């Protein structure tokens, strides 16, 4: 199964997933796409020996050029890993139930446009939540509203800062994102 990553940031989840499946012949990761030219994910791509491509917002929103690139690489599925743009309908239709995302909170809470990264963790702390976690979900036409595939939780203590919550949530991402991909598409 050939999986493309879409990433806007450092790409730590991309690297973690690729390394997790290092000797697995079932999964291949032939391509990383980003909307940010200087995103650190491109440096990780070089280290991992995976081609990475930067595209413009316009190319992405129209969908045609991106779809063409994905078809050239014979991509079967897409994994969003810290990707901040809304997926255009063209790609959703071309990859039905084959685009997944990880969100750093327990959806449906703390999701939607503008809710990413530290903003989510700060909102969790400010709301006085007793737990947070990660949600892996299918992508549809709305931010963070696709069907939930998997959730993992961690406690949020009264003394936790947004930074501490972020550390707990990142640990869950690294542990469970590869395993969820494996169960979802390999049946393990």
C-alpha atoms as a PDB file:
ATOM      1  CA  UNK A   1       0.000   0.000   0.000  1.00  0.00           C
ATOM      2  CA  UNK A   2       1.458   3.339  -1.060  1.00  0.00           C
ATOM      3  CA  UNK A   3       0.757   6.182   1.348  1.00  0.00           C
ATOM      4  CA  UNK A   4       1.487   9.877   0.793  1.00  0.00           C
ATOM      5  CA  UNK A   5       1.914  12.266   3.700  1.00  0.00           C
ATOM      6  CA  UNK A   6       0.655  15.836   3.783  1.00  0.00           C
ATOM      7  CA  UNK A   7       2.499  17.920   6.387  1.00  0.00           C
ATOM      8  CA  UNK A   8       2.856  21.617   7.178  1.00  0.00           C
ATOM      9  CA  UNK A   9       5.371  21.496  10.023  1.00  0.00           C
ATOM     10  CA  UNK A  10       8.309  19.587  11.413  1.00  0.00           C
ATOM     11  CA  UNK A  11       7.160  16.154  10.292  1.00  0.00           C
ATOM     12  CA  UNK A  12       7.954  14.282  13.504  1.00  0.00           C
ATOM     13  CA  UNK A  13       4.884  12.060  13.060  1.00  0.00           C
ATOM     14  CA  UNK A  14       5.884  11.420   9.433  1.00  0.00           C
ATOM     15  CA  UNK A  15       9.329  10.269  10.524  1.00  0.00           C
ATOM     16  CA  UNK A  16       7.916   8.190  13.377  1.00  0.00           C
ATOM     17  CA  UNK A  17       5.488   6.377  11.062  1.00  0.00           C
ATOM     18  CA  UNK A  18       8.078   5.708   8.356  1.00  0.00           C
ATOM     19  CA  UNK A  19      10.548   4.350  10.916  1.00  0.00           C
ATOM     20  CA  UNK A  20       7.824   2.219  12.562  1.00  0.00           C
ATOM     21  CA  UNK A  21       7.204   0.468   9.233  1.00  0.00           C
ATOM     22  CA  UNK A  22      10.892   0.367   8.280  1.00  0.00           C
ATOM     23  CA  UNK A  23      11.075  -3.333   7.344  1.00  0.00           C
ATOM     24  CA  UNK A  24       7.411  -3.806   6.454  1.00  0.00           C
ATOM     25  CA  UNK A  25       6.939  -4.734   2.801  1.00  0.00           C
ATOM     26  CA  UNK A  26       3.211  -3.985   2.868  1.00  0.00           C
ATOM     27  CA  UNK A  27       3.471  -0.225   3.425  1.00  0.00           C
ATOM     28  CA  UNK A  28       5.434   2.108   1.168  1.00  0.00           C
ATOM     29  CA  UNK A  29       5.824   5.845   1.705  1.00  0.00           C
ATOM     30  CA  UNK A  30       6.940   7.238  -1.646  1.00  0.00           C
ATOM     31  CA  UNK A  31       5.965  10.901  -1.231  1.00  0.00           C
ATOM     32  CA  UNK A  32       5.629  13.792   1.192  1.00  0.00           C
ATOM     33  CA  UNK A  33       3.696  16.898   0.163  1.00  0.00           C
ATOM     34  CA  UNK A  34       3.755  20.221   1.977  1.00  0.00           C
ATOM     35  CA  UNK A  35       2.273  23.662   1.560  1.00  0.00           C
ATOM     36  CA  UNK A  36       5.269  25.264   3.293  1.00  0.00           C
ATOM     37  CA  UNK A  37       8.587  25.466   1.423  1.00  0.00           C
ATOM     38  CA  UNK A  38      10.754  25.767   4.541  1.00  0.00           C
ATOM     39  CA  UNK A  39       8.855  23.280   6.717  1.00  0.00           C
ATOM     40  CA  UNK A  40      11.264  20.994   8.539  1.00  0.00           C
ATOM     41  CA  UNK A  41       9.428  17.969   7.112  1.00  0.00           C
ATOM     42  CA  UNK A  42      11.496  18.507   3.934  1.00  0.00           C
ATOM     43  CA  UNK A  43      14.725  18.001   5.927  1.00  0.00           C
ATOM     44  CA  UNK A  44      13.293  14.846   7.448  1.00  0.00           C
ATOM     45  CA  UNK A  45      12.320  13.698   3.944  1.00  0.00           C
ATOM     46  CA  UNK A  46      15.961  14.021   2.817  1.00  0.00           C
ATOM     47  CA  UNK A  47      17.145  12.021   5.826  1.00  0.00           C
ATOM     48  CA  UNK A  48      14.498   9.366   5.148  1.00  0.00           C
ATOM     49  CA  UNK A  49      15.281   9.355   1.416  1.00  0.00           C
ATOM     50  CA  UNK A  50      11.669  10.175   0.493  1.00  0.00           C
ATOM     51  CA  UNK A  51      10.846  12.745  -2.196  1.00  0.00           C
ATOM     52  CA  UNK A  52       9.059  15.842  -0.913  1.00  0.00           C
ATOM     53  CA  UNK A  53       7.189  18.412  -2.928  1.00  0.00           C
ATOM     54  CA  UNK A  54       6.002  21.895  -1.994  1.00  0.00           C
ATOM     55  CA  UNK A  55       2.844  23.181  -3.604  1.00  0.00           C
ATOM     56  CA  UNK A  56       1.060  26.509  -3.600  1.00  0.00           C
ATOM     57  CA  UNK A  57      -2.208  27.119  -1.815  1.00  0.00           C
ATOM     58  CA  UNK A  58      -3.845  27.754  -5.207  1.00  0.00           C
ATOM     59  CA  UNK A  59      -2.609  24.426  -6.620  1.00  0.00           C
ATOM     60  CA  UNK A  60      -3.883  22.675  -3.545  1.00  0.00           C
ATOM     61  CA  UNK A  61      -7.320  24.269  -3.498  1.00  0.00           C
ATOM     62  CA  UNK A  62      -7.916  23.525  -7.168  1.00  0.00           C
ATOM     63  CA  UNK A  63      -6.864  19.929  -6.473  1.00  0.00           C
ATOM     64  CA  UNK A  64      -6.000  18.992 -10.061  1.00  0.00           C
ATOM     65  CA  UNK A  65      -2.211  19.315  -9.896  1.00  0.00           C
ATOM     66  CA  UNK A  66      -2.032  17.554  -6.528  1.00  0.00           C
ATOM     67  CA  UNK A  67      -4.255  14.731  -7.779  1.00  0.00           C
ATOM     68  CA  UNK A  68      -2.026  14.358 -10.829  1.00  0.00           C
ATOM     69  CA  UNK A  69       1.095  14.052  -8.644  1.00  0.00           C
ATOM     70  CA  UNK A  70      -0.615  11.486  -6.397  1.00  0.00           C
ATOM     71  CA  UNK A  71      -1.621   9.468  -9.455  1.00  0.00           C
ATOM     72  CA  UNK A  72       1.941   9.590 -10.841  1.00  0.00           C
ATOM     73  CA  UNK A  73       3.138   7.980  -7.612  1.00  0.00           C
ATOM     74  CA  UNK A  74       0.249   5.447  -7.601  1.00  0.00           C
ATOM     75  CA  UNK A  75      -0.834   6.574  -4.144  1.00  0.00           C
ATOM     76  CA  UNK A  76      -3.472   4.431  -2.419  1.00  0.00           C
ATOM     77  CA  UNK A  77      -4.091   6.556   0.692  1.00  0.00           C
ATOM     78  CA  UNK A  78      -3.164   9.862   2.317  1.00  0.00           C
ATOM     79  CA  UNK A  79      -2.107  10.513   5.899  1.00  0.00           C
ATOM     80  CA  UNK A  80      -2.304  14.066   7.237  1.00  0.00           C
ATOM     81  CA  UNK A  81       0.385  14.682   9.838  1.00  0.00           C
ATOM     82  CA  UNK A  82       0.298  18.235  11.093  1.00  0.00           C
ATOM     83  CA  UNK A  83      -1.287  19.495   7.897  1.00  0.00           C
ATOM     84  CA  UNK A  84      -3.209  22.735   8.248  1.00  0.00           C
ATOM     85  CA  UNK A  85      -5.172  23.190   5.022  1.00  0.00           C
ATOM     86  CA  UNK A  86      -8.698  21.936   4.427  1.00  0.00           C
ATOM     87  CA  UNK A  87      -8.717  19.043   1.952  1.00  0.00           C
ATOM     88  CA  UNK A  88     -10.460  19.966  -1.308  1.00  0.00           C
ATOM     89  CA  UNK A  89     -13.464  17.982  -2.483  1.00  0.00           C
ATOM     90  CA  UNK A  90     -11.490  16.771  -5.530  1.00  0.00           C
ATOM     91  CA  UNK A  91      -9.131  14.778  -3.293  1.00  0.00           C
ATOM     92  CA  UNK A  92     -11.882  13.563  -0.952  1.00  0.00           C
ATOM     93  CA  UNK A  93     -13.754  12.142  -3.937  1.00  0.00           C
ATOM     94  CA  UNK A  94     -10.591  10.607  -5.447  1.00  0.00           C
ATOM     95  CA  UNK A  95      -9.658   8.917  -2.131  1.00  0.00           C
ATOM     96  CA  UNK A  96     -12.950   7.996  -0.414  1.00  0.00           C
ATOM     97  CA  UNK A  97     -12.286   6.736   3.125  1.00  0.00           C
ATOM     98  CA  UNK A  98      -8.567   6.741   2.284  1.00  0.00           C
ATOM     99  CA  UNK A  99      -7.553  10.066   3.854  1.00  0.00           C
ATOM    100  CA  UNK A 100      -6.950  10.121   7.595  1.00  0.00           C
ATOM    101  CA  UNK A 101      -5.841  12.764  10.046  1.00  0.00           C
ATOM    102  CA  UNK A 102      -4.658  12.892  13.626  1.00  0.00           C
ATOM    103  CA  UNK A 103      -6.019  15.634  15.853  1.00  0.00           C
ATOM    104  CA  UNK A 104      -4.394  16.544  19.197  1.00  0.00           C
ATOM    105  CA  UNK A 105      -7.594  16.407  21.248  1.00  0.00           C
ATOM    106  CA  UNK A 106     -10.601  14.202  21.876  1.00  0.00           C
ATOM    107  CA  UNK A 107     -12.980  15.190  19.101  1.00  0.00           C
ATOM    108  CA  UNK A 108     -15.623  16.484  18.843  1.00  0.00           C
ATOM    109  CA  UNK A 109     -14.209  18.795  21.530  1.00  0.00           C
ATOM    110  CA  UNK A 110     -11.540  21.318  20.536  1.00  0.00           C
ATOM    111  CA  UNK A 111     -11.753  20.754  16.791  1.00  0.00           C
ATOM    112  CA  UNK A 112     -12.537  22.898  13.797  1.00  0.00           C
ATOM    113  CA  UNK A 113     -10.876  25.670  11.835  1.00  0.00           C
ATOM    114  CA  UNK A 114      -7.989  27.265  13.685  1.00  0.00           C
ATOM    115  CA  UNK A 115      -7.778  24.507  16.299  1.00  0.00           C
ATOM    116  CA  UNK A 116      -4.336  23.000  15.876  1.00  0.00           C
ATOM    117  CA  UNK A 117      -1.129  22.542  17.830  1.00  0.00           C
ATOM    118  CA  UNK A 118      -0.641  24.633  20.940  1.00  0.00           C
ATOM    119  CA  UNK A 119      -3.981  26.389  20.428  1.00  0.00           C
ATOM    120  CA  UNK A 120      -5.733  23.105  21.147  1.00  0.00           C
ATOM    121  CA  UNK A 121      -3.683  22.349  24.260  1.00  0.00           C
ATOM    122  CA  UNK A 122      -4.218  25.875  25.604  1.00  0.00           C
ATOM    123  CA  UNK A 123      -7.973  25.567  25.051  1.00  0.00           C
ATOM    124  CA  UNK A 124      -8.009  22.208  26.871  1.00  0.00           C
ATOM    125  CA  UNK A 125      -6.220  23.718  29.889  1.00  0.00           C
ATOM    126  CA  UNK A 126      -8.375  26.866  29.921  1.00  0.00           C
ATOM    127  CA  UNK A 127     -11.556  24.754  29.809  1.00  0.00           C
ATOM    128  CA  UNK A 128     -10.418  22.827  32.894  1.00  0.00           C
ATOM    129  CA  UNK A 129     -10.646  19.474  31.111  1.00  0.00           C
ATOM    130  CA  UNK A 130      -9.729  16.386  33.138  1.00  0.00           C
ATOM    131  CA  UNK A 131      -8.424  14.524  30.079  1.00  0.00           C
ATOM    132  CA  UNK A 132      -7.163  15.100  26.577  1.00  0.00           C
ATOM    133  CA  UNK A 133      -5.690  12.833  23.953  1.00  0.00           C
ATOM    134  CA  UNK A 134      -5.608  12.126  20.246  1.00  0.00           C
ATOM    135  CA  UNK A 135      -8.266  11.382  17.684  1.00  0.00           C
ATOM    136  CA  UNK A 136      -7.511   9.618  14.421  1.00  0.00           C
ATOM    137  CA  UNK A 137     -10.324  10.179  11.959  1.00  0.00           C
ATOM    138  CA  UNK A 138     -11.311  10.030   8.327  1.00  0.00           C
ATOM    139  CA  UNK A 139     -11.190  13.345   6.510  1.00  0.00           C
ATOM    140  CA  UNK A 140     -14.334  14.806   5.000  1.00  0.00           C
ATOM    141  CA  UNK A 141     -15.265  18.251   3.680  1.00  0.00           C
ATOM    142  CA  UNK A 142     -15.275  19.843   7.166  1.00  0.00           C
ATOM    143  CA  UNK A 143     -12.414  20.373   9.587  1.00  0.00           C
ATOM    144  CA  UNK A 144     -12.202  17.553  12.146  1.00  0.00           C
ATOM    145  CA  UNK A 145     -15.689  16.164  11.483  1.00  0.00           C
ATOM    146  CA  UNK A 146     -14.921  12.884   9.703  1.00  0.00           C
ATOM    147  CA  UNK A 147     -15.810   9.557  11.308  1.00  0.00           C
ATOM    148  CA  UNK A 148     -13.577   8.672  14.230  1.00  0.00           C
ATOM    149  CA  UNK A 149     -11.302   5.668  13.767  1.00  0.00           C
ATOM    150  CA  UNK A 150      -9.490   5.661  17.111  1.00  0.00           C
ATOM    151  CA  UNK A 151      -8.979   7.722  20.265  1.00  0.00           C
ATOM    152  CA  UNK A 152      -6.418   7.494  23.054  1.00  0.00           C
ATOM    153  CA  UNK A 153      -6.627   9.494  26.290  1.00  0.00           C
ATOM    154  CA  UNK A 154      -4.297  10.992  28.843  1.00  0.00           C
ATOM    155  CA  UNK A 155      -5.095  12.721  32.143  1.00  0.00           C
ATOM    156  CA  UNK A 156      -4.865  16.500  32.455  1.00  0.00           C
ATOM    157  CA  UNK A 157      -3.851  17.524  35.960  1.00  0.00           C
ATOM    158  CA  UNK A 158      -4.923  20.862  37.463  1.00  0.00           C
ATOM    159  CA  UNK A 159      -1.264  21.936  37.494  1.00  0.00           C
ATOM    160  CA  UNK A 160      -0.630  21.012  33.824  1.00  0.00           C
ATOM    161  CA  UNK A 161       0.344  23.784  31.446  1.00  0.00           C
ATOM    162  CA  UNK A 162      -0.449  23.670  27.742  1.00  0.00           C
ATOM    163  CA  UNK A 163       3.164  22.573  27.211  1.00  0.00           C
ATOM    164  CA  UNK A 164       2.799  19.607  29.541  1.00  0.00           C
ATOM    165  CA  UNK A 165      -0.464  18.578  27.861  1.00  0.00           C
ATOM    166  CA  UNK A 166       1.310  18.845  24.495  1.00  0.00           C
ATOM    167  CA  UNK A 167       4.052  16.467  25.693  1.00  0.00           C
ATOM    168  CA  UNK A 168       1.482  13.924  26.853  1.00  0.00           C
ATOM    169  CA  UNK A 169      -0.467  14.173  23.599  1.00  0.00           C
ATOM    170  CA  UNK A 170       2.686  13.880  21.443  1.00  0.00           C
ATOM    171  CA  UNK A 171       3.594  10.675  23.274  1.00  0.00           C
ATOM    172  CA  UNK A 172       0.151   9.281  22.381  1.00  0.00           C
ATOM    173  CA  UNK A 173       0.580  10.361  18.747  1.00  0.00           C
ATOM    174  CA  UNK A 174       3.911   8.567  18.420  1.00  0.00           C
ATOM    175  CA  UNK A 175       2.601   5.415  20.076  1.00  0.00           C
ATOM    176  CA  UNK A 176      -0.796   5.082  18.414  1.00  0.00           C
ATOM    177  CA  UNK A 177      -0.712   6.733  14.971  1.00  0.00           C
ATOM    178  CA  UNK A 178       1.403   3.987  13.323  1.00  0.00           C
ATOM    179  CA  UNK A 179      -0.581   1.248  15.075  1.00  0.00           C
ATOM    180  CA  UNK A 180      -3.882   2.742  13.890  1.00  0.00           C
ATOM    181  CA  UNK A 181      -2.597   2.872  10.307  1.00  0.00           C
ATOM    182  CA  UNK A 182      -1.520  -0.755  10.593  1.00  0.00           C
ATOM    183  CA  UNK A 183      -4.890  -1.906  11.956  1.00  0.00           C
ATOM    184  CA  UNK A 184      -6.877   0.185   9.499  1.00  0.00           C
ATOM    185  CA  UNK A 185      -5.131  -0.779   6.286  1.00  0.00           C
ATOM    186  CA  UNK A 186      -3.340  -4.008   7.054  1.00  0.00           C
ATOM    187  CA  UNK A 187      -5.932  -5.548   9.309  1.00  0.00           C
ATOM    188  CA  UNK A 188      -3.618  -6.170  12.240  1.00  0.00           C
END
